[in-house]
């Protein structure tokens, strides 16, 4: 799934689902962009991706992880494409925190009661 990921700055290209570590007011910070749909019931575990480069854990030096860092997003996939963002509750229990239908964006996840709690994402849920 490494091919599904690329670093973002302050723009989200068409067909992408983009996340940033900060809100719009904080100039977004580091970000990730996902452009490939995932299989049914597949959740991309952000706790398995190093911050800020997004490399898979175990591929280099230990570093902080992307889970619990998301503060803004843009769903710039094809119109109507659904993606879901999850909070991990433990014991392989994932809770849907946000459902997004393209085109959708949030400049501050506090507005959706989901700031810094996102642990996983399913790109193109439906």
N, C-alpha and C. Protein backbone atom coordinates (compact mmCIF):
# COMPACT_ATOMS: atom_id res chain seq x y z
N UNK A 1 0.80 -1.20 0.00
CA UNK A 1 0.00 0.00 0.00
C UNK A 1 0.84 1.26 0.00
N UNK A 2 2.13 1.14 0.04
CA UNK A 2 3.00 2.31 -0.01
C UNK A 2 2.68 3.16 -1.23
N UNK A 3 2.29 2.54 -2.35
CA UNK A 3 1.97 3.29 -3.56
C UNK A 3 0.73 4.15 -3.38
N UNK A 4 -0.06 3.87 -2.35
CA UNK A 4 -1.30 4.58 -2.09
C UNK A 4 -1.06 5.92 -1.41
N UNK A 5 0.17 6.27 -1.14
CA UNK A 5 0.49 7.37 -0.26
C UNK A 5 1.48 8.32 -0.91
N UNK A 6 1.31 9.61 -0.65
CA UNK A 6 2.30 10.58 -1.07
C UNK A 6 2.23 11.77 -0.14
N UNK A 7 3.32 12.48 0.02
CA UNK A 7 3.33 13.65 0.89
C UNK A 7 2.55 14.79 0.25
N UNK A 8 1.89 15.56 1.08
CA UNK A 8 1.12 16.71 0.64
C UNK A 8 1.67 17.97 1.30
N UNK A 9 1.40 19.10 0.74
CA UNK A 9 1.74 20.37 1.39
C UNK A 9 0.44 21.08 1.71
N UNK A 10 0.00 21.99 0.86
CA UNK A 10 -1.22 22.73 1.15
C UNK A 10 -2.27 22.59 0.05
N UNK A 11 -2.19 21.52 -0.73
CA UNK A 11 -3.14 21.31 -1.82
C UNK A 11 -3.47 19.83 -1.91
N UNK A 12 -4.67 19.55 -2.31
CA UNK A 12 -5.10 18.16 -2.47
C UNK A 12 -5.54 17.96 -3.91
N UNK A 13 -4.78 17.17 -4.65
CA UNK A 13 -5.08 16.93 -6.06
C UNK A 13 -6.38 16.14 -6.23
N UNK A 14 -6.98 16.30 -7.40
CA UNK A 14 -8.19 15.55 -7.73
C UNK A 14 -7.92 14.05 -7.62
N UNK A 15 -8.91 13.30 -7.20
CA UNK A 15 -8.87 11.86 -6.96
C UNK A 15 -8.19 11.51 -5.63
N UNK A 16 -7.83 12.49 -4.83
CA UNK A 16 -7.11 12.24 -3.58
C UNK A 16 -7.98 12.49 -2.35
N UNK A 17 -7.65 11.79 -1.30
CA UNK A 17 -8.16 12.05 0.04
C UNK A 17 -6.93 12.50 0.83
N UNK A 18 -6.95 13.73 1.32
CA UNK A 18 -5.77 14.32 1.97
C UNK A 18 -6.04 14.64 3.43
N UNK A 19 -5.01 14.45 4.25
CA UNK A 19 -5.06 14.77 5.67
C UNK A 19 -3.91 15.71 6.01
N UNK A 20 -4.12 16.55 7.01
CA UNK A 20 -3.04 17.37 7.52
C UNK A 20 -3.00 17.30 9.04
N UNK A 21 -1.82 17.52 9.58
CA UNK A 21 -1.64 17.43 11.02
C UNK A 21 -2.22 18.62 11.78
N UNK A 22 -2.41 19.75 11.10
CA UNK A 22 -2.93 20.95 11.75
C UNK A 22 -4.18 21.44 11.02
N UNK A 23 -4.85 22.40 11.63
CA UNK A 23 -6.02 23.01 11.01
C UNK A 23 -5.58 24.04 9.97
N UNK A 24 -6.54 24.51 9.20
CA UNK A 24 -6.27 25.55 8.22
C UNK A 24 -5.67 26.78 8.89
N UNK A 25 -6.21 27.15 10.05
CA UNK A 25 -5.71 28.32 10.77
C UNK A 25 -4.25 28.18 11.18
N UNK A 26 -3.81 26.94 11.35
CA UNK A 26 -2.42 26.66 11.72
C UNK A 26 -1.56 26.29 10.51
N UNK A 27 -2.05 26.63 9.32
CA UNK A 27 -1.33 26.42 8.05
C UNK A 27 -1.09 24.95 7.71
N UNK A 28 -1.94 24.05 8.18
CA UNK A 28 -1.97 22.64 7.83
C UNK A 28 -0.80 21.80 8.33
N UNK A 29 0.43 22.21 8.16
CA UNK A 29 1.57 21.39 8.56
C UNK A 29 1.79 20.24 7.59
N UNK A 30 2.39 19.16 8.09
CA UNK A 30 2.65 17.99 7.25
C UNK A 30 1.33 17.31 6.88
N UNK A 31 1.33 16.59 5.77
CA UNK A 31 0.12 15.93 5.33
C UNK A 31 0.39 14.65 4.57
N UNK A 32 -0.68 13.91 4.35
CA UNK A 32 -0.66 12.67 3.57
C UNK A 32 -1.78 12.73 2.54
N UNK A 33 -1.55 12.11 1.41
CA UNK A 33 -2.58 12.00 0.40
C UNK A 33 -2.75 10.55 -0.03
N UNK A 34 -3.99 10.08 -0.06
CA UNK A 34 -4.31 8.72 -0.50
C UNK A 34 -5.08 8.83 -1.80
N UNK A 35 -4.70 8.02 -2.79
CA UNK A 35 -5.37 8.09 -4.09
C UNK A 35 -5.87 6.75 -4.61
N UNK A 36 -5.65 5.68 -3.91
CA UNK A 36 -6.13 4.37 -4.36
C UNK A 36 -7.20 3.86 -3.40
N UNK A 37 -8.27 3.34 -3.96
CA UNK A 37 -9.33 2.76 -3.14
C UNK A 37 -8.81 1.49 -2.47
N UNK A 38 -9.38 1.19 -1.32
CA UNK A 38 -8.98 0.00 -0.58
C UNK A 38 -10.05 -1.08 -0.70
N UNK A 39 -9.68 -2.33 -0.50
CA UNK A 39 -10.66 -3.41 -0.53
C UNK A 39 -11.71 -3.23 0.56
N UNK A 40 -12.86 -3.88 0.38
CA UNK A 40 -13.92 -3.82 1.38
C UNK A 40 -13.39 -4.23 2.75
N UNK A 41 -13.85 -3.54 3.77
CA UNK A 41 -13.49 -3.80 5.16
C UNK A 41 -12.01 -3.61 5.48
N UNK A 42 -11.27 -2.92 4.62
CA UNK A 42 -9.85 -2.68 4.87
C UNK A 42 -9.68 -1.29 5.48
N UNK A 43 -9.08 -1.23 6.64
CA UNK A 43 -8.81 0.05 7.29
C UNK A 43 -7.30 0.26 7.29
N UNK A 44 -6.88 1.41 6.75
CA UNK A 44 -5.47 1.79 6.76
C UNK A 44 -5.14 2.27 8.17
N UNK A 45 -4.29 1.52 8.87
CA UNK A 45 -3.92 1.85 10.25
C UNK A 45 -2.84 2.93 10.24
N UNK A 46 -3.20 4.15 10.63
CA UNK A 46 -2.25 5.25 10.64
C UNK A 46 -1.18 5.07 11.71
N UNK A 47 -1.44 4.20 12.68
CA UNK A 47 -0.44 3.87 13.70
C UNK A 47 0.70 3.04 13.14
N UNK A 48 0.56 2.57 11.91
CA UNK A 48 1.60 1.81 11.26
C UNK A 48 2.41 2.64 10.28
N UNK A 49 2.19 3.96 10.31
CA UNK A 49 2.88 4.85 9.38
C UNK A 49 3.64 5.91 10.17
N UNK A 50 4.94 6.05 9.84
CA UNK A 50 5.77 7.02 10.54
C UNK A 50 5.38 8.45 10.19
N UNK A 51 5.49 9.32 11.16
CA UNK A 51 5.28 10.74 10.98
C UNK A 51 6.64 11.41 10.86
N UNK A 52 6.90 12.32 9.95
CA UNK A 52 5.96 12.88 8.98
C UNK A 52 6.01 12.26 7.59
N UNK A 53 6.96 11.33 7.32
CA UNK A 53 7.15 10.88 5.93
C UNK A 53 6.16 9.83 5.46
N UNK A 54 5.41 9.21 6.36
CA UNK A 54 4.40 8.24 5.98
C UNK A 54 4.93 6.86 5.66
N UNK A 55 6.25 6.64 5.82
CA UNK A 55 6.82 5.31 5.55
C UNK A 55 6.25 4.31 6.56
N UNK A 56 6.17 3.06 6.13
CA UNK A 56 5.64 2.04 7.02
C UNK A 56 6.58 1.83 8.21
N UNK A 57 6.01 1.62 9.36
CA UNK A 57 6.79 1.34 10.56
C UNK A 57 7.63 0.10 10.30
N UNK A 58 8.88 0.13 10.74
CA UNK A 58 9.78 -0.98 10.52
C UNK A 58 10.69 -0.80 9.32
N UNK A 59 10.51 0.30 8.59
CA UNK A 59 11.34 0.54 7.41
C UNK A 59 12.44 1.56 7.67
N UNK A 60 12.63 1.93 8.89
CA UNK A 60 13.67 2.91 9.21
C UNK A 60 13.67 3.21 10.70
N UNK A 61 14.20 4.36 11.03
CA UNK A 61 14.30 4.73 12.43
C UNK A 61 12.92 4.84 13.07
N UNK A 62 12.89 4.62 14.38
CA UNK A 62 11.61 4.78 15.07
C UNK A 62 11.28 6.27 15.10
N UNK A 63 10.04 6.58 14.95
CA UNK A 63 9.58 7.96 14.92
C UNK A 63 8.13 7.98 15.39
N UNK A 64 7.60 9.15 15.67
CA UNK A 64 6.18 9.22 16.01
C UNK A 64 5.34 8.65 14.87
N UNK A 65 4.11 8.32 15.16
CA UNK A 65 3.20 7.74 14.17
C UNK A 65 2.13 8.76 13.79
N UNK A 66 1.40 8.48 12.71
CA UNK A 66 0.37 9.39 12.22
C UNK A 66 -0.94 9.30 13.01
N UNK A 67 -1.17 8.22 13.73
CA UNK A 67 -2.44 8.13 14.46
C UNK A 67 -2.54 9.26 15.48
N UNK A 68 -3.75 9.74 15.69
CA UNK A 68 -4.06 10.82 16.65
C UNK A 68 -3.39 12.15 16.30
N UNK A 69 -3.14 12.41 15.01
CA UNK A 69 -2.52 13.67 14.58
C UNK A 69 -3.36 14.45 13.58
N UNK A 70 -4.45 13.91 13.10
CA UNK A 70 -5.20 14.53 12.01
C UNK A 70 -6.08 15.66 12.53
N UNK A 71 -5.89 16.85 11.94
CA UNK A 71 -6.69 18.02 12.36
C UNK A 71 -7.47 18.67 11.21
N UNK A 72 -7.22 18.26 9.97
CA UNK A 72 -7.99 18.77 8.84
C UNK A 72 -7.89 17.76 7.69
N UNK A 73 -8.87 17.83 6.77
CA UNK A 73 -8.84 16.92 5.62
C UNK A 73 -9.55 17.55 4.45
N UNK A 74 -9.29 16.99 3.26
CA UNK A 74 -10.03 17.31 2.06
C UNK A 74 -10.28 16.02 1.30
N UNK A 75 -11.54 15.75 1.02
CA UNK A 75 -11.92 14.59 0.23
C UNK A 75 -12.17 15.10 -1.19
N UNK A 76 -11.15 15.03 -2.03
CA UNK A 76 -11.21 15.54 -3.40
C UNK A 76 -11.29 14.39 -4.40
N UNK A 77 -11.94 13.30 -3.97
CA UNK A 77 -12.13 12.16 -4.85
C UNK A 77 -13.27 12.46 -5.82
N UNK A 78 -13.62 11.52 -6.68
CA UNK A 78 -14.72 11.75 -7.61
C UNK A 78 -16.00 12.00 -6.82
N UNK A 79 -16.90 12.83 -7.35
CA UNK A 79 -18.10 13.22 -6.62
C UNK A 79 -18.87 12.02 -6.06
N UNK A 80 -19.21 12.13 -4.78
CA UNK A 80 -19.99 11.10 -4.11
C UNK A 80 -19.18 9.96 -3.51
N UNK A 81 -17.89 9.89 -3.78
CA UNK A 81 -17.06 8.82 -3.22
C UNK A 81 -17.01 8.97 -1.70
N UNK A 82 -17.24 7.86 -1.01
CA UNK A 82 -17.31 7.87 0.45
C UNK A 82 -16.02 7.33 1.05
N UNK A 83 -15.51 8.04 2.04
CA UNK A 83 -14.38 7.55 2.85
C UNK A 83 -14.75 7.71 4.31
N UNK A 84 -14.22 6.82 5.13
CA UNK A 84 -14.51 6.88 6.57
C UNK A 84 -13.22 6.97 7.36
N UNK A 85 -13.29 7.73 8.46
CA UNK A 85 -12.16 7.91 9.36
C UNK A 85 -12.53 7.27 10.69
N UNK A 86 -11.60 6.55 11.27
CA UNK A 86 -11.88 5.73 12.45
C UNK A 86 -11.03 6.10 13.65
N UNK A 87 -11.60 5.87 14.81
CA UNK A 87 -10.89 5.96 16.08
C UNK A 87 -10.74 4.52 16.58
N UNK A 88 -9.54 4.15 16.98
CA UNK A 88 -9.29 2.79 17.48
C UNK A 88 -9.61 2.74 18.96
N UNK A 89 -10.49 1.81 19.36
CA UNK A 89 -10.93 1.69 20.74
C UNK A 89 -10.24 0.55 21.47
N UNK A 90 -9.36 -0.19 20.79
CA UNK A 90 -8.67 -1.33 21.38
C UNK A 90 -9.33 -2.64 21.02
N UNK A 91 -8.60 -3.72 21.23
CA UNK A 91 -9.11 -5.08 20.96
C UNK A 91 -9.69 -5.21 19.56
N UNK A 92 -8.99 -4.64 18.56
CA UNK A 92 -9.41 -4.67 17.16
C UNK A 92 -10.81 -4.08 16.96
N UNK A 93 -11.15 -3.08 17.76
CA UNK A 93 -12.44 -2.42 17.69
C UNK A 93 -12.25 -1.01 17.13
N UNK A 94 -12.75 -0.77 15.92
CA UNK A 94 -12.64 0.53 15.25
C UNK A 94 -14.00 1.20 15.25
N UNK A 95 -14.06 2.45 15.65
CA UNK A 95 -15.31 3.21 15.69
C UNK A 95 -15.27 4.30 14.61
N UNK A 96 -16.33 4.40 13.82
CA UNK A 96 -16.39 5.44 12.79
C UNK A 96 -16.47 6.80 13.48
N UNK A 97 -15.51 7.67 13.17
CA UNK A 97 -15.49 9.03 13.74
C UNK A 97 -16.06 10.05 12.76
N UNK A 98 -15.78 9.87 11.46
CA UNK A 98 -16.25 10.79 10.43
C UNK A 98 -16.52 10.00 9.15
N UNK A 99 -17.64 10.30 8.50
CA UNK A 99 -17.93 9.79 7.16
C UNK A 99 -17.92 10.98 6.22
N UNK A 100 -17.19 10.86 5.13
CA UNK A 100 -17.02 11.97 4.20
C UNK A 100 -17.43 11.55 2.79
N UNK A 101 -18.30 12.36 2.17
CA UNK A 101 -18.73 12.16 0.79
C UNK A 101 -18.07 13.24 -0.07
N UNK A 102 -17.31 12.81 -1.09
CA UNK A 102 -16.62 13.79 -1.94
C UNK A 102 -17.66 14.63 -2.70
N UNK A 103 -17.37 15.86 -2.92
CA UNK A 103 -16.30 16.68 -2.42
C UNK A 103 -16.65 17.17 -1.00
N UNK A 104 -15.70 17.06 -0.10
CA UNK A 104 -15.91 17.44 1.30
C UNK A 104 -14.58 17.89 1.87
N UNK A 105 -14.62 18.80 2.82
CA UNK A 105 -13.40 19.20 3.50
C UNK A 105 -13.75 19.67 4.91
N UNK A 106 -12.76 19.67 5.74
CA UNK A 106 -12.89 20.21 7.09
C UNK A 106 -11.59 20.90 7.44
N UNK A 107 -11.67 22.18 7.70
CA UNK A 107 -10.46 22.95 8.01
C UNK A 107 -10.05 22.80 9.46
N UNK A 108 -10.94 22.28 10.31
CA UNK A 108 -10.62 22.04 11.71
C UNK A 108 -11.50 20.90 12.21
N UNK A 109 -10.89 19.75 12.48
CA UNK A 109 -11.65 18.56 12.88
C UNK A 109 -12.38 18.74 14.22
N UNK A 110 -12.07 19.79 14.96
CA UNK A 110 -12.84 20.09 16.18
C UNK A 110 -14.32 20.31 15.83
N UNK A 111 -14.57 20.82 14.62
CA UNK A 111 -15.94 21.06 14.18
C UNK A 111 -16.73 19.76 14.03
N UNK A 112 -16.04 18.63 13.93
CA UNK A 112 -16.70 17.32 13.80
C UNK A 112 -16.41 16.44 15.00
N UNK A 113 -15.94 17.05 16.09
CA UNK A 113 -15.59 16.31 17.31
C UNK A 113 -14.62 15.17 17.03
N UNK A 114 -13.65 15.42 16.15
CA UNK A 114 -12.73 14.36 15.76
C UNK A 114 -11.28 14.83 15.66
N UNK A 115 -10.94 15.93 16.30
CA UNK A 115 -9.57 16.43 16.22
C UNK A 115 -8.62 15.52 16.98
N UNK A 116 -7.54 15.12 16.30
CA UNK A 116 -6.47 14.32 16.91
C UNK A 116 -6.95 13.00 17.52
N UNK A 117 -7.99 12.40 16.94
CA UNK A 117 -8.42 11.07 17.40
C UNK A 117 -8.42 10.04 16.27
N UNK A 118 -8.14 10.46 15.04
CA UNK A 118 -8.22 9.54 13.90
C UNK A 118 -7.01 8.59 13.90
N UNK A 119 -7.33 7.29 13.92
CA UNK A 119 -6.30 6.25 13.94
C UNK A 119 -6.27 5.44 12.65
N UNK A 120 -7.33 5.52 11.85
CA UNK A 120 -7.39 4.74 10.63
C UNK A 120 -8.32 5.37 9.63
N UNK A 121 -8.18 4.96 8.37
CA UNK A 121 -9.01 5.47 7.29
C UNK A 121 -9.33 4.34 6.32
N UNK A 122 -10.53 4.37 5.78
CA UNK A 122 -10.90 3.47 4.68
C UNK A 122 -11.22 4.36 3.50
N UNK A 123 -10.34 4.33 2.50
CA UNK A 123 -10.48 5.16 1.31
C UNK A 123 -11.45 4.47 0.36
N UNK A 124 -12.45 5.20 -0.13
CA UNK A 124 -13.49 4.68 -1.04
C UNK A 124 -14.29 3.56 -0.40
N UNK A 125 -14.94 3.87 0.69
CA UNK A 125 -15.74 2.89 1.42
C UNK A 125 -16.85 2.32 0.54
N UNK A 126 -17.50 3.19 -0.21
CA UNK A 126 -18.62 2.77 -1.06
C UNK A 126 -18.43 3.28 -2.46
